Amino acid sequence: MQIEPSRLSVQPPDGWTLVNVDTIAYTEAEHRTVSTELFGIPVDIRAVPSSYSWDFGDQSAPLRTSDPGAPYPAHSISHAYTKAGSATISLTTTWHGQFRVAGDPTWRDVPGEATTASSSGSLDILEARARLVEDLYGG
């Protein structure tokens, strides 16, 4: 069974973020299921995501978790870059397998695991600078 990699989403979504501001990452925690027949008997096989390893591309240690994250404002996976530059966020998803035969409602575990890899596009990490400006509105 070929497992489609998890789709990696990043917020802000426009390919840039700011130094010292949380960059949010998340994926969907969806099973991948294939139905087939083995010797004429219907069999369902599925891959279930069990863990995620988030590498934020800045030499920091990867974040390993069972949490797929979520978008803002309920986000749970984030990273604040400490210096300007560029990075690519990578996600390694670990999957375990299950099967059931002929519509049996009970899924049975398959020994072993598989991994898939996903990545974001290049992310520009910018440094915002505060500036004092004249009050143009007379306030």
N, C-alpha and C. Protein backbone atom coordinates (compact mmCIF):
# COMPACT_ATOMS: atom_id res chain seq x y z
N MET A 1 0.85 -1.18 0.00
CA MET A 1 0.00 0.00 0.00
C MET A 1 0.89 1.24 0.00
N GLN A 2 0.71 2.08 -0.97
CA GLN A 2 1.41 3.37 -1.03
C GLN A 2 0.67 4.34 -0.13
N ILE A 3 1.37 4.98 0.80
CA ILE A 3 0.75 5.92 1.73
C ILE A 3 0.99 7.34 1.24
N GLU A 4 -0.09 8.07 1.02
CA GLU A 4 0.03 9.47 0.63
C GLU A 4 0.53 10.27 1.82
N PRO A 5 1.57 11.09 1.66
CA PRO A 5 2.09 11.87 2.79
C PRO A 5 1.06 12.85 3.35
N SER A 6 1.22 13.18 4.61
CA SER A 6 0.37 14.18 5.25
C SER A 6 0.61 15.54 4.60
N ARG A 7 -0.45 16.31 4.43
CA ARG A 7 -0.33 17.66 3.86
C ARG A 7 0.08 18.61 4.98
N LEU A 8 1.16 19.33 4.78
CA LEU A 8 1.70 20.27 5.76
C LEU A 8 1.17 21.67 5.47
N SER A 9 0.57 22.30 6.48
CA SER A 9 0.08 23.67 6.35
C SER A 9 0.84 24.57 7.32
N VAL A 10 1.09 25.80 6.88
CA VAL A 10 1.86 26.76 7.68
C VAL A 10 1.08 28.07 7.76
N GLN A 11 1.10 28.68 8.93
CA GLN A 11 0.52 30.02 9.10
C GLN A 11 1.57 30.92 9.73
N PRO A 12 1.80 32.13 9.20
CA PRO A 12 1.08 32.73 8.08
C PRO A 12 1.32 31.97 6.77
N PRO A 13 0.32 32.00 5.87
CA PRO A 13 0.37 31.14 4.69
C PRO A 13 1.07 31.72 3.47
N ASP A 14 1.60 32.92 3.56
CA ASP A 14 2.12 33.60 2.37
C ASP A 14 3.60 33.42 2.11
N GLY A 15 4.24 32.45 2.77
CA GLY A 15 5.65 32.19 2.50
C GLY A 15 6.62 33.06 3.27
N TRP A 16 6.15 33.76 4.29
CA TRP A 16 7.05 34.56 5.13
C TRP A 16 6.53 34.56 6.56
N THR A 17 7.44 34.85 7.49
CA THR A 17 7.10 34.98 8.90
C THR A 17 8.09 35.96 9.52
N LEU A 18 7.86 36.30 10.77
CA LEU A 18 8.73 37.25 11.45
C LEU A 18 9.57 36.58 12.53
N VAL A 19 10.75 37.11 12.75
CA VAL A 19 11.62 36.67 13.84
C VAL A 19 10.87 36.88 15.16
N ASN A 20 10.99 35.93 16.08
CA ASN A 20 10.41 35.98 17.42
C ASN A 20 8.88 36.00 17.46
N VAL A 21 8.24 35.60 16.38
CA VAL A 21 6.78 35.47 16.33
C VAL A 21 6.47 34.02 15.99
N ASP A 22 5.48 33.44 16.66
CA ASP A 22 5.14 32.04 16.41
C ASP A 22 4.74 31.80 14.96
N THR A 23 5.37 30.81 14.35
CA THR A 23 4.96 30.30 13.05
C THR A 23 4.23 28.99 13.34
N ILE A 24 3.00 28.88 12.87
CA ILE A 24 2.14 27.75 13.19
C ILE A 24 2.25 26.70 12.09
N ALA A 25 2.34 25.44 12.48
CA ALA A 25 2.36 24.32 11.53
C ALA A 25 1.32 23.30 11.97
N TYR A 26 0.68 22.67 10.99
CA TYR A 26 -0.29 21.63 11.31
C TYR A 26 -0.52 20.74 10.10
N THR A 27 -1.13 19.60 10.35
CA THR A 27 -1.50 18.66 9.30
C THR A 27 -2.83 18.03 9.67
N GLU A 28 -3.38 17.24 8.79
CA GLU A 28 -4.62 16.53 9.10
C GLU A 28 -4.26 15.16 9.65
N ALA A 29 -5.06 14.66 10.58
CA ALA A 29 -4.79 13.34 11.17
C ALA A 29 -5.74 12.32 10.54
N GLU A 30 -5.69 12.19 9.24
CA GLU A 30 -6.62 11.32 8.52
C GLU A 30 -6.00 9.97 8.22
N HIS A 31 -6.82 8.93 8.40
CA HIS A 31 -6.42 7.57 8.01
C HIS A 31 -6.36 7.49 6.49
N ARG A 32 -5.57 6.59 5.98
CA ARG A 32 -5.53 6.29 4.55
C ARG A 32 -6.02 4.85 4.41
N THR A 33 -7.13 4.64 3.69
CA THR A 33 -7.75 3.31 3.60
C THR A 33 -7.81 2.84 2.16
N VAL A 34 -7.52 1.56 1.96
CA VAL A 34 -7.62 0.91 0.66
C VAL A 34 -8.48 -0.34 0.85
N SER A 35 -9.44 -0.53 -0.05
CA SER A 35 -10.26 -1.74 -0.05
C SER A 35 -9.84 -2.59 -1.24
N THR A 36 -9.67 -3.87 -1.00
CA THR A 36 -9.23 -4.78 -2.06
C THR A 36 -9.83 -6.16 -1.81
N GLU A 37 -9.47 -7.11 -2.62
CA GLU A 37 -9.87 -8.50 -2.40
C GLU A 37 -8.64 -9.37 -2.36
N LEU A 38 -8.66 -10.34 -1.47
CA LEU A 38 -7.58 -11.30 -1.35
C LEU A 38 -8.22 -12.69 -1.44
N PHE A 39 -7.94 -13.41 -2.52
CA PHE A 39 -8.55 -14.71 -2.80
C PHE A 39 -10.07 -14.61 -2.80
N GLY A 40 -10.58 -13.49 -3.35
CA GLY A 40 -12.02 -13.30 -3.46
C GLY A 40 -12.70 -12.80 -2.19
N ILE A 41 -11.94 -12.55 -1.15
CA ILE A 41 -12.50 -12.08 0.12
C ILE A 41 -12.19 -10.59 0.27
N PRO A 42 -13.21 -9.75 0.53
CA PRO A 42 -12.96 -8.32 0.70
C PRO A 42 -12.09 -8.05 1.94
N VAL A 43 -11.10 -7.19 1.75
CA VAL A 43 -10.19 -6.81 2.84
C VAL A 43 -10.01 -5.29 2.80
N ASP A 44 -10.11 -4.66 3.96
CA ASP A 44 -9.80 -3.24 4.10
C ASP A 44 -8.46 -3.11 4.80
N ILE A 45 -7.60 -2.25 4.27
CA ILE A 45 -6.29 -2.00 4.87
C ILE A 45 -6.21 -0.49 5.10
N ARG A 46 -5.73 -0.10 6.28
CA ARG A 46 -5.59 1.34 6.51
C ARG A 46 -4.28 1.65 7.22
N ALA A 47 -3.79 2.84 6.92
CA ALA A 47 -2.62 3.40 7.61
C ALA A 47 -3.15 4.49 8.54
N VAL A 48 -2.71 4.44 9.79
CA VAL A 48 -3.17 5.37 10.82
C VAL A 48 -1.97 6.19 11.30
N PRO A 49 -2.05 7.53 11.23
CA PRO A 49 -0.91 8.32 11.72
C PRO A 49 -0.77 8.16 13.23
N SER A 50 0.45 7.88 13.68
CA SER A 50 0.66 7.67 15.12
C SER A 50 1.59 8.70 15.74
N SER A 51 2.48 9.30 14.95
CA SER A 51 3.35 10.35 15.50
C SER A 51 3.85 11.24 14.37
N TYR A 52 4.32 12.42 14.80
CA TYR A 52 4.77 13.44 13.86
C TYR A 52 6.10 14.00 14.36
N SER A 53 7.01 14.25 13.43
CA SER A 53 8.27 14.90 13.76
C SER A 53 8.38 16.15 12.90
N TRP A 54 8.37 17.30 13.56
CA TRP A 54 8.40 18.61 12.89
C TRP A 54 9.82 19.15 12.94
N ASP A 55 10.41 19.42 11.78
CA ASP A 55 11.73 20.03 11.70
C ASP A 55 11.55 21.41 11.08
N PHE A 56 11.87 22.45 11.83
CA PHE A 56 11.60 23.81 11.40
C PHE A 56 12.72 24.42 10.55
N GLY A 57 13.74 23.64 10.23
CA GLY A 57 14.73 24.04 9.24
C GLY A 57 15.73 25.09 9.69
N ASP A 58 15.87 25.27 11.02
CA ASP A 58 16.80 26.29 11.52
C ASP A 58 17.83 25.71 12.49
N GLN A 59 18.11 24.44 12.37
CA GLN A 59 19.08 23.74 13.21
C GLN A 59 18.58 23.48 14.63
N SER A 60 17.34 23.85 14.95
CA SER A 60 16.78 23.50 16.26
C SER A 60 16.40 22.02 16.24
N ALA A 61 16.28 21.43 17.42
CA ALA A 61 15.92 20.01 17.51
C ALA A 61 14.49 19.81 16.99
N PRO A 62 14.25 18.72 16.27
CA PRO A 62 12.89 18.44 15.79
C PRO A 62 11.93 18.28 16.97
N LEU A 63 10.69 18.66 16.75
CA LEU A 63 9.63 18.49 17.74
C LEU A 63 8.91 17.20 17.41
N ARG A 64 8.94 16.24 18.33
CA ARG A 64 8.27 14.95 18.13
C ARG A 64 7.03 14.90 19.01
N THR A 65 5.89 14.56 18.39
CA THR A 65 4.63 14.60 19.11
C THR A 65 3.61 13.67 18.46
N SER A 66 2.55 13.36 19.18
CA SER A 66 1.42 12.63 18.59
C SER A 66 0.33 13.60 18.14
N ASP A 67 0.58 14.89 18.30
CA ASP A 67 -0.37 15.95 17.98
C ASP A 67 -0.18 16.42 16.54
N PRO A 68 -1.24 16.39 15.71
CA PRO A 68 -1.11 16.88 14.34
C PRO A 68 -1.15 18.40 14.24
N GLY A 69 -1.40 19.07 15.36
CA GLY A 69 -1.51 20.52 15.34
C GLY A 69 -2.89 20.96 14.88
N ALA A 70 -3.08 22.27 14.81
CA ALA A 70 -4.35 22.86 14.39
C ALA A 70 -4.07 24.29 13.94
N PRO A 71 -4.96 24.85 13.11
CA PRO A 71 -4.76 26.23 12.68
C PRO A 71 -5.07 27.23 13.80
N TYR A 72 -4.62 28.46 13.61
CA TYR A 72 -4.91 29.55 14.53
C TYR A 72 -6.43 29.72 14.62
N PRO A 73 -7.02 29.95 15.77
CA PRO A 73 -6.42 30.29 17.06
C PRO A 73 -6.23 29.09 17.98
N ALA A 74 -6.62 27.90 17.55
CA ALA A 74 -6.52 26.70 18.40
C ALA A 74 -5.21 25.96 18.18
N HIS A 75 -4.19 26.65 17.69
CA HIS A 75 -2.92 26.00 17.32
C HIS A 75 -2.22 25.39 18.54
N SER A 76 -1.50 24.32 18.27
CA SER A 76 -0.73 23.65 19.33
C SER A 76 0.70 23.36 18.91
N ILE A 77 1.02 23.51 17.63
CA ILE A 77 2.38 23.32 17.13
C ILE A 77 2.84 24.66 16.56
N SER A 78 3.89 25.22 17.15
CA SER A 78 4.41 26.49 16.64
C SER A 78 5.90 26.58 16.94
N HIS A 79 6.54 27.51 16.26
CA HIS A 79 7.98 27.70 16.42
C HIS A 79 8.30 29.17 16.17
N ALA A 80 9.12 29.75 17.02
CA ALA A 80 9.57 31.13 16.82
C ALA A 80 11.02 31.11 16.36
N TYR A 81 11.27 31.61 15.17
CA TYR A 81 12.63 31.69 14.64
C TYR A 81 13.37 32.82 15.36
N THR A 82 14.67 32.63 15.59
CA THR A 82 15.44 33.61 16.36
C THR A 82 16.27 34.55 15.49
N LYS A 83 16.38 34.25 14.19
CA LYS A 83 17.12 35.16 13.32
C LYS A 83 16.55 35.11 11.91
N ALA A 84 16.79 36.20 11.19
CA ALA A 84 16.29 36.32 9.82
C ALA A 84 17.01 35.33 8.90
N GLY A 85 16.36 34.98 7.82
CA GLY A 85 16.94 34.05 6.85
C GLY A 85 15.83 33.36 6.08
N SER A 86 16.07 32.11 5.74
CA SER A 86 15.04 31.31 5.09
C SER A 86 15.09 29.90 5.65
N ALA A 87 13.97 29.22 5.58
CA ALA A 87 13.88 27.86 6.11
C ALA A 87 12.79 27.11 5.36
N THR A 88 12.88 25.81 5.41
CA THR A 88 11.83 24.93 4.91
C THR A 88 11.40 24.05 6.07
N ILE A 89 10.12 24.02 6.36
CA ILE A 89 9.60 23.16 7.44
C ILE A 89 9.37 21.78 6.86
N SER A 90 9.84 20.75 7.57
CA SER A 90 9.66 19.36 7.15
C SER A 90 8.85 18.61 8.19
N LEU A 91 8.01 17.72 7.72
CA LEU A 91 7.17 16.89 8.59
C LEU A 91 7.38 15.43 8.22
N THR A 92 7.76 14.63 9.20
CA THR A 92 7.83 13.18 9.02
C THR A 92 6.69 12.57 9.82
N THR A 93 5.80 11.87 9.13
CA THR A 93 4.66 11.22 9.78
C THR A 93 4.96 9.73 9.88
N THR A 94 4.77 9.17 11.07
CA THR A 94 4.91 7.73 11.29
C THR A 94 3.52 7.12 11.32
N TRP A 95 3.36 6.02 10.58
CA TRP A 95 2.06 5.37 10.42
C TRP A 95 2.15 3.94 10.94
N HIS A 96 1.05 3.44 11.47
CA HIS A 96 0.96 2.00 11.73
C HIS A 96 -0.23 1.46 10.93
N GLY A 97 -0.17 0.18 10.62
CA GLY A 97 -1.16 -0.43 9.76
C GLY A 97 -2.20 -1.23 10.51
N GLN A 98 -3.37 -1.31 9.91
CA GLN A 98 -4.46 -2.13 10.43
C GLN A 98 -5.19 -2.76 9.25
N PHE A 99 -5.92 -3.85 9.53
CA PHE A 99 -6.73 -4.47 8.49
C PHE A 99 -8.00 -5.05 9.13
N ARG A 100 -8.99 -5.27 8.27
CA ARG A 100 -10.20 -6.01 8.66
C ARG A 100 -10.67 -6.79 7.45
N VAL A 101 -11.32 -7.89 7.71
CA VAL A 101 -11.70 -8.82 6.65
C VAL A 101 -13.22 -8.86 6.51
N ALA A 102 -13.70 -8.83 5.27
CA ALA A 102 -15.11 -9.04 4.91
C ALA A 102 -16.07 -8.21 5.76
N GLY A 103 -15.77 -6.94 5.96
CA GLY A 103 -16.69 -6.07 6.67
C GLY A 103 -16.73 -6.24 8.17
N ASP A 104 -15.86 -7.08 8.72
CA ASP A 104 -15.76 -7.23 10.18
C ASP A 104 -15.47 -5.84 10.77
N PRO A 105 -16.22 -5.40 11.78
CA PRO A 105 -16.00 -4.05 12.31
C PRO A 105 -14.70 -3.89 13.10
N THR A 106 -14.04 -5.00 13.44
CA THR A 106 -12.84 -4.93 14.27
C THR A 106 -11.59 -4.77 13.40
N TRP A 107 -10.86 -3.68 13.64
CA TRP A 107 -9.58 -3.47 12.96
C TRP A 107 -8.50 -4.19 13.75
N ARG A 108 -7.62 -4.89 13.04
CA ARG A 108 -6.52 -5.61 13.67
C ARG A 108 -5.20 -4.96 13.26
N ASP A 109 -4.29 -4.84 14.24
CA ASP A 109 -3.01 -4.19 13.98
C ASP A 109 -2.09 -5.06 13.14
N VAL A 110 -1.32 -4.41 12.30
CA VAL A 110 -0.27 -5.04 11.51
C VAL A 110 1.06 -4.65 12.16
N PRO A 111 1.97 -5.60 12.42
CA PRO A 111 3.24 -5.23 13.03
C PRO A 111 4.07 -4.32 12.12
N GLY A 112 4.85 -3.46 12.75
CA GLY A 112 5.73 -2.57 11.99
C GLY A 112 5.13 -1.19 11.82
N GLU A 113 5.89 -0.34 11.14
CA GLU A 113 5.44 1.02 10.87
C GLU A 113 6.08 1.52 9.59
N ALA A 114 5.53 2.61 9.08
CA ALA A 114 6.06 3.24 7.87
C ALA A 114 6.12 4.74 8.13
N THR A 115 6.95 5.44 7.35
CA THR A 115 7.03 6.89 7.48
C THR A 115 6.85 7.54 6.11
N THR A 116 6.31 8.75 6.14
CA THR A 116 6.23 9.58 4.94
C THR A 116 6.80 10.95 5.28
N ALA A 117 7.24 11.68 4.27
CA ALA A 117 7.83 13.00 4.48
C ALA A 117 7.08 14.04 3.64
N SER A 118 6.87 15.20 4.25
CA SER A 118 6.25 16.35 3.59
C SER A 118 7.09 17.57 3.90
N SER A 119 6.98 18.60 3.09
CA SER A 119 7.68 19.84 3.42
C SER A 119 6.90 21.04 2.90
N SER A 120 7.16 22.17 3.54
CA SER A 120 6.57 23.43 3.10
C SER A 120 7.41 23.97 1.95
N GLY A 121 6.93 25.01 1.35
CA GLY A 121 7.79 25.74 0.43
C GLY A 121 8.80 26.53 1.25
N SER A 122 9.68 27.22 0.59
CA SER A 122 10.67 28.03 1.29
C SER A 122 9.96 29.14 2.05
N LEU A 123 10.39 29.35 3.27
CA LEU A 123 9.80 30.34 4.17
C LEU A 123 10.82 31.44 4.42
N ASP A 124 10.47 32.69 4.07
CA ASP A 124 11.35 33.83 4.36
C ASP A 124 11.09 34.28 5.78
N ILE A 125 12.16 34.38 6.57
CA ILE A 125 12.06 34.81 7.96
C ILE A 125 12.59 36.24 8.01
N LEU A 126 11.70 37.17 8.30
CA LEU A 126 12.03 38.59 8.23
C LEU A 126 12.09 39.19 9.62
N GLU A 127 12.87 40.24 9.75
CA GLU A 127 12.98 40.94 11.03
C GLU A 127 12.23 42.27 10.91
N ALA A 128 11.22 42.46 11.76
CA ALA A 128 10.47 43.72 11.78
C ALA A 128 11.20 44.70 12.68
N ARG A 129 11.24 45.94 12.26
CA ARG A 129 11.91 46.97 13.06
C ARG A 129 10.91 48.07 13.39
N ALA A 130 10.87 48.44 14.65
CA ALA A 130 9.99 49.52 15.09
C ALA A 130 10.60 50.86 14.71
N ARG A 131 9.75 51.79 14.30
CA ARG A 131 10.22 53.13 13.94
C ARG A 131 9.24 54.15 14.50
N LEU A 132 9.76 55.23 15.04
CA LEU A 132 8.92 56.33 15.47
C LEU A 132 8.68 57.22 14.26
N VAL A 133 7.42 57.58 14.06
CA VAL A 133 7.08 58.44 12.93
C VAL A 133 6.24 59.61 13.41
N GLU A 134 6.21 60.65 12.62
CA GLU A 134 5.42 61.83 12.93
C GLU A 134 3.94 61.47 12.89
N ASP A 135 3.16 62.04 13.81
CA ASP A 135 1.71 61.83 13.82
C ASP A 135 1.11 62.61 12.66
N LEU A 136 0.74 61.91 11.61
CA LEU A 136 0.22 62.55 10.41
C LEU A 136 -1.23 63.00 10.54
N TYR A 137 -1.90 62.57 11.59
CA TYR A 137 -3.32 62.87 11.75
C TYR A 137 -3.59 63.88 12.86
N GLY A 138 -2.55 64.43 13.46
CA GLY A 138 -2.70 65.47 14.47
C GLY A 138 -3.30 65.00 15.78
N GLY A 139 -3.12 63.74 16.12
CA GLY A 139 -3.73 63.19 17.34
C GLY A 139 -2.93 63.40 18.51
